[in-house]
Amino acid sequence: MLASDPVNVISKRKLFEKVSKYPDARIAIQNWFDIAVASTWQNLEDVRRTFPATDMIGKLAIFNIKGNRYRLIARVVFAYRRVYIKEFLTHAEYDKGAWKKWLP
């Protein structure tokens, strides 16, 4: 992979299916998606330059969406510039912890 290769979000369809339950999040997630696929993230610092509130737990990135009302959980493989969508949750759903099934 070249440093200039953009991020590949896998999969857009899966992401927007999950977001369809939360119509008020559609614009925010579309903005996140547009920015992500245009990015050349190589590490967490690169991600945080774009999305400062992003946290990593293992290989999972936790993105705050729409003023922290929602959480996007994704597995990030920086070496291959891939972001695998795992969950899109309200903050309350995130706090319940079921998303942790994606941790190794």
N, C-alpha and C. Protein backbone atom coordinates (compact mmCIF):
# COMPACT_ATOMS: atom_id res chain seq x y z
N MET A 1 0.83 -1.18 0.00
CA MET A 1 0.00 0.00 0.00
C MET A 1 0.88 1.25 0.00
N LEU A 2 0.48 2.19 -0.76
CA LEU A 2 1.19 3.46 -0.80
C LEU A 2 0.61 4.39 0.26
N ALA A 3 1.45 5.27 0.77
CA ALA A 3 0.99 6.22 1.79
C ALA A 3 -0.13 7.10 1.27
N SER A 4 -0.24 7.23 -0.05
CA SER A 4 -1.27 8.08 -0.63
C SER A 4 -2.57 7.33 -0.93
N ASP A 5 -2.58 6.01 -0.71
CA ASP A 5 -3.79 5.24 -0.98
C ASP A 5 -4.88 5.61 0.02
N PRO A 6 -6.10 5.84 -0.46
CA PRO A 6 -7.19 6.21 0.46
C PRO A 6 -7.72 5.01 1.23
N VAL A 7 -8.45 5.30 2.27
CA VAL A 7 -9.07 4.28 3.12
C VAL A 7 -10.23 3.63 2.37
N ASN A 8 -10.38 2.33 2.57
CA ASN A 8 -11.50 1.58 2.01
C ASN A 8 -12.42 1.20 3.17
N VAL A 9 -13.64 1.71 3.16
CA VAL A 9 -14.61 1.40 4.21
C VAL A 9 -15.44 0.20 3.74
N ILE A 10 -15.44 -0.84 4.56
CA ILE A 10 -16.12 -2.08 4.22
C ILE A 10 -17.19 -2.33 5.28
N SER A 11 -18.39 -2.30 5.01
CA SER A 11 -18.99 -1.98 3.73
C SER A 11 -19.95 -0.80 3.89
N LYS A 12 -20.02 -0.01 2.85
CA LYS A 12 -20.92 1.15 2.86
C LYS A 12 -22.37 0.71 3.06
N ARG A 13 -22.77 -0.34 2.34
CA ARG A 13 -24.14 -0.81 2.45
C ARG A 13 -24.48 -1.23 3.88
N LYS A 14 -23.60 -1.98 4.50
CA LYS A 14 -23.81 -2.43 5.88
C LYS A 14 -23.92 -1.22 6.83
N LEU A 15 -23.06 -0.23 6.63
CA LEU A 15 -23.09 0.96 7.47
C LEU A 15 -24.43 1.67 7.35
N PHE A 16 -24.87 1.91 6.12
CA PHE A 16 -26.10 2.67 5.94
C PHE A 16 -27.35 1.85 6.30
N GLU A 17 -27.26 0.53 6.26
CA GLU A 17 -28.36 -0.30 6.77
C GLU A 17 -28.50 -0.10 8.28
N LYS A 18 -27.38 -0.10 8.97
CA LYS A 18 -27.40 0.10 10.43
C LYS A 18 -27.91 1.50 10.78
N VAL A 19 -27.50 2.49 10.03
CA VAL A 19 -27.89 3.87 10.30
C VAL A 19 -29.36 4.12 9.97
N SER A 20 -29.94 3.30 9.11
CA SER A 20 -31.33 3.53 8.69
C SER A 20 -32.30 3.52 9.86
N LYS A 21 -31.94 2.92 10.97
CA LYS A 21 -32.80 2.93 12.18
C LYS A 21 -32.79 4.29 12.87
N TYR A 22 -31.82 5.14 12.50
CA TYR A 22 -31.63 6.44 13.15
C TYR A 22 -31.55 7.53 12.10
N PRO A 23 -32.69 7.94 11.54
CA PRO A 23 -32.68 8.92 10.43
C PRO A 23 -31.96 10.23 10.75
N ASP A 24 -31.96 10.64 12.01
CA ASP A 24 -31.29 11.89 12.37
C ASP A 24 -29.77 11.80 12.27
N ALA A 25 -29.25 10.58 12.15
CA ALA A 25 -27.80 10.39 12.05
C ALA A 25 -27.31 10.28 10.61
N ARG A 26 -28.21 10.24 9.67
CA ARG A 26 -27.84 9.98 8.26
C ARG A 26 -26.83 11.00 7.72
N ILE A 27 -27.08 12.27 7.92
CA ILE A 27 -26.16 13.29 7.39
C ILE A 27 -24.80 13.20 8.07
N ALA A 28 -24.80 13.00 9.38
CA ALA A 28 -23.53 12.90 10.12
C ALA A 28 -22.72 11.70 9.65
N ILE A 29 -23.39 10.57 9.42
CA ILE A 29 -22.66 9.38 9.00
C ILE A 29 -22.20 9.52 7.55
N GLN A 30 -22.99 10.20 6.72
CA GLN A 30 -22.56 10.44 5.34
C GLN A 30 -21.31 11.31 5.34
N ASN A 31 -21.27 12.33 6.21
CA ASN A 31 -20.08 13.18 6.33
C ASN A 31 -18.88 12.35 6.79
N TRP A 32 -19.10 11.49 7.81
CA TRP A 32 -18.01 10.63 8.30
C TRP A 32 -17.49 9.76 7.16
N PHE A 33 -18.40 9.13 6.43
CA PHE A 33 -18.02 8.23 5.34
C PHE A 33 -17.22 8.98 4.27
N ASP A 34 -17.72 10.13 3.84
CA ASP A 34 -17.05 10.91 2.80
C ASP A 34 -15.63 11.29 3.22
N ILE A 35 -15.48 11.68 4.46
CA ILE A 35 -14.15 12.05 4.97
C ILE A 35 -13.26 10.81 5.07
N ALA A 36 -13.80 9.72 5.59
CA ALA A 36 -13.01 8.49 5.77
C ALA A 36 -12.46 7.97 4.45
N VAL A 37 -13.30 7.89 3.42
CA VAL A 37 -12.84 7.31 2.15
C VAL A 37 -11.87 8.24 1.40
N ALA A 38 -11.80 9.48 1.80
CA ALA A 38 -10.84 10.41 1.19
C ALA A 38 -9.55 10.49 2.00
N SER A 39 -9.50 9.82 3.13
CA SER A 39 -8.35 9.89 4.04
C SER A 39 -7.27 8.89 3.67
N THR A 40 -6.08 9.15 4.19
CA THR A 40 -4.95 8.24 4.02
C THR A 40 -4.39 7.85 5.39
N TRP A 41 -5.28 7.53 6.31
CA TRP A 41 -4.88 7.21 7.68
C TRP A 41 -3.85 6.09 7.73
N GLN A 42 -2.80 6.33 8.49
CA GLN A 42 -1.77 5.31 8.70
C GLN A 42 -1.68 4.88 10.15
N ASN A 43 -2.31 5.65 11.05
CA ASN A 43 -2.25 5.35 12.47
C ASN A 43 -3.34 6.16 13.19
N LEU A 44 -3.46 5.91 14.49
CA LEU A 44 -4.49 6.60 15.27
C LEU A 44 -4.29 8.11 15.26
N GLU A 45 -3.07 8.57 15.27
CA GLU A 45 -2.82 10.01 15.25
C GLU A 45 -3.41 10.65 13.99
N ASP A 46 -3.29 9.96 12.86
CA ASP A 46 -3.89 10.47 11.62
C ASP A 46 -5.41 10.55 11.75
N VAL A 47 -6.01 9.51 12.32
CA VAL A 47 -7.46 9.50 12.51
C VAL A 47 -7.87 10.67 13.40
N ARG A 48 -7.13 10.87 14.48
CA ARG A 48 -7.48 11.94 15.43
C ARG A 48 -7.30 13.34 14.85
N ARG A 49 -6.48 13.48 13.84
CA ARG A 49 -6.39 14.78 13.17
C ARG A 49 -7.71 15.11 12.48
N THR A 50 -8.39 14.07 12.04
CA THR A 50 -9.68 14.24 11.37
C THR A 50 -10.83 14.18 12.36
N PHE A 51 -10.79 13.20 13.24
CA PHE A 51 -11.85 12.97 14.23
C PHE A 51 -11.19 12.91 15.61
N PRO A 52 -10.99 14.06 16.26
CA PRO A 52 -10.20 14.13 17.50
C PRO A 52 -10.70 13.25 18.65
N ALA A 53 -11.97 12.98 18.73
CA ALA A 53 -12.50 12.22 19.87
C ALA A 53 -12.45 10.71 19.66
N THR A 54 -11.79 10.24 18.62
CA THR A 54 -11.72 8.80 18.34
C THR A 54 -10.84 8.10 19.36
N ASP A 55 -11.33 6.96 19.85
CA ASP A 55 -10.55 6.12 20.76
C ASP A 55 -10.32 4.78 20.10
N MET A 56 -9.23 4.11 20.50
CA MET A 56 -8.96 2.75 20.05
C MET A 56 -9.01 1.83 21.26
N ILE A 57 -9.73 0.74 21.10
CA ILE A 57 -9.75 -0.33 22.09
C ILE A 57 -9.36 -1.58 21.33
N GLY A 58 -8.14 -2.03 21.55
CA GLY A 58 -7.60 -3.10 20.71
C GLY A 58 -7.49 -2.58 19.29
N LYS A 59 -8.06 -3.32 18.35
CA LYS A 59 -8.05 -2.89 16.95
C LYS A 59 -9.34 -2.20 16.56
N LEU A 60 -10.19 -1.93 17.54
CA LEU A 60 -11.46 -1.27 17.25
C LEU A 60 -11.34 0.23 17.47
N ALA A 61 -11.81 0.96 16.49
CA ALA A 61 -11.90 2.42 16.62
C ALA A 61 -13.32 2.75 17.04
N ILE A 62 -13.44 3.65 18.01
CA ILE A 62 -14.73 4.11 18.49
C ILE A 62 -14.85 5.57 18.06
N PHE A 63 -15.75 5.81 17.10
CA PHE A 63 -15.97 7.15 16.59
C PHE A 63 -17.22 7.74 17.23
N ASN A 64 -17.10 8.96 17.73
CA ASN A 64 -18.27 9.68 18.22
C ASN A 64 -18.93 10.35 17.02
N ILE A 65 -20.23 10.11 16.88
CA ILE A 65 -20.98 10.64 15.75
C ILE A 65 -22.10 11.53 16.26
N LYS A 66 -22.28 12.63 15.60
CA LYS A 66 -23.34 13.59 15.91
C LYS A 66 -23.29 14.05 17.37
N GLY A 67 -22.18 14.66 17.71
CA GLY A 67 -22.03 15.22 19.04
C GLY A 67 -22.07 14.19 20.14
N ASN A 68 -21.54 12.99 19.88
CA ASN A 68 -21.46 11.91 20.85
C ASN A 68 -22.81 11.25 21.11
N ARG A 69 -23.80 11.53 20.28
CA ARG A 69 -25.10 10.88 20.45
C ARG A 69 -25.05 9.43 19.98
N TYR A 70 -24.18 9.17 19.01
CA TYR A 70 -24.03 7.82 18.46
C TYR A 70 -22.56 7.41 18.50
N ARG A 71 -22.36 6.10 18.41
CA ARG A 71 -21.01 5.55 18.35
C ARG A 71 -20.91 4.62 17.15
N LEU A 72 -19.87 4.81 16.39
CA LEU A 72 -19.56 3.92 15.28
C LEU A 72 -18.37 3.07 15.71
N ILE A 73 -18.55 1.77 15.68
CA ILE A 73 -17.49 0.84 16.05
C ILE A 73 -16.97 0.21 14.76
N ALA A 74 -15.66 0.30 14.56
CA ALA A 74 -15.07 -0.24 13.34
C ALA A 74 -13.71 -0.85 13.65
N ARG A 75 -13.39 -1.93 12.97
CA ARG A 75 -12.05 -2.50 13.07
C ARG A 75 -11.21 -1.81 12.01
N VAL A 76 -10.09 -1.26 12.45
CA VAL A 76 -9.22 -0.52 11.54
C VAL A 76 -7.93 -1.33 11.33
N VAL A 77 -7.61 -1.56 10.08
CA VAL A 77 -6.36 -2.22 9.72
C VAL A 77 -5.55 -1.18 8.95
N PHE A 78 -4.71 -0.47 9.68
CA PHE A 78 -3.97 0.64 9.09
C PHE A 78 -3.06 0.19 7.95
N ALA A 79 -2.42 -0.96 8.09
CA ALA A 79 -1.47 -1.43 7.08
C ALA A 79 -2.13 -1.61 5.71
N TYR A 80 -3.42 -1.92 5.70
CA TYR A 80 -4.13 -2.14 4.44
C TYR A 80 -5.14 -1.04 4.15
N ARG A 81 -5.17 0.01 4.98
CA ARG A 81 -6.09 1.15 4.81
C ARG A 81 -7.54 0.68 4.73
N ARG A 82 -7.90 -0.23 5.63
CA ARG A 82 -9.26 -0.75 5.63
C ARG A 82 -9.93 -0.46 6.95
N VAL A 83 -11.21 -0.10 6.84
CA VAL A 83 -12.06 0.13 8.00
C VAL A 83 -13.26 -0.79 7.84
N TYR A 84 -13.37 -1.75 8.74
CA TYR A 84 -14.47 -2.72 8.70
C TYR A 84 -15.55 -2.29 9.69
N ILE A 85 -16.71 -1.98 9.19
CA ILE A 85 -17.82 -1.53 10.04
C ILE A 85 -18.32 -2.71 10.86
N LYS A 86 -18.44 -2.49 12.17
CA LYS A 86 -18.94 -3.54 13.06
C LYS A 86 -20.31 -3.18 13.64
N GLU A 87 -20.43 -1.98 14.22
CA GLU A 87 -21.68 -1.58 14.87
C GLU A 87 -21.89 -0.09 14.71
N PHE A 88 -23.15 0.29 14.71
CA PHE A 88 -23.54 1.70 14.81
C PHE A 88 -24.60 1.74 15.89
N LEU A 89 -24.31 2.43 16.98
CA LEU A 89 -25.16 2.37 18.18
C LEU A 89 -25.45 3.76 18.73
N THR A 90 -26.55 3.85 19.46
CA THR A 90 -26.76 5.05 20.26
C THR A 90 -25.75 5.01 21.40
N HIS A 91 -25.54 6.13 22.04
CA HIS A 91 -24.61 6.14 23.17
C HIS A 91 -25.09 5.19 24.27
N ALA A 92 -26.41 5.15 24.51
CA ALA A 92 -26.97 4.26 25.53
C ALA A 92 -26.73 2.79 25.17
N GLU A 93 -26.90 2.42 23.90
CA GLU A 93 -26.64 1.04 23.48
C GLU A 93 -25.15 0.71 23.65
N TYR A 94 -24.30 1.65 23.30
CA TYR A 94 -22.86 1.46 23.45
C TYR A 94 -22.51 1.17 24.91
N ASP A 95 -23.11 1.92 25.83
CA ASP A 95 -22.82 1.75 27.25
C ASP A 95 -23.18 0.36 27.77
N LYS A 96 -24.09 -0.34 27.12
CA LYS A 96 -24.48 -1.69 27.54
C LYS A 96 -23.36 -2.70 27.26
N GLY A 97 -22.47 -2.40 26.34
CA GLY A 97 -21.27 -3.20 26.12
C GLY A 97 -21.36 -4.39 25.19
N ALA A 98 -22.51 -4.63 24.56
CA ALA A 98 -22.63 -5.79 23.66
C ALA A 98 -21.65 -5.72 22.50
N TRP A 99 -21.22 -4.53 22.12
CA TRP A 99 -20.27 -4.36 21.03
C TRP A 99 -18.92 -5.00 21.32
N LYS A 100 -18.64 -5.28 22.59
CA LYS A 100 -17.34 -5.84 22.96
C LYS A 100 -17.11 -7.25 22.41
N LYS A 101 -18.19 -7.85 21.86
CA LYS A 101 -18.03 -9.16 21.22
C LYS A 101 -17.03 -9.10 20.06
N TRP A 102 -16.79 -7.90 19.53
CA TRP A 102 -15.87 -7.73 18.41
C TRP A 102 -14.41 -7.65 18.87
N LEU A 103 -14.18 -7.56 20.19
CA LEU A 103 -12.81 -7.53 20.69
C LEU A 103 -12.22 -8.94 20.66
N PRO A 104 -10.92 -9.06 20.42
CA PRO A 104 -10.32 -10.42 20.39
C PRO A 104 -10.29 -11.03 21.78
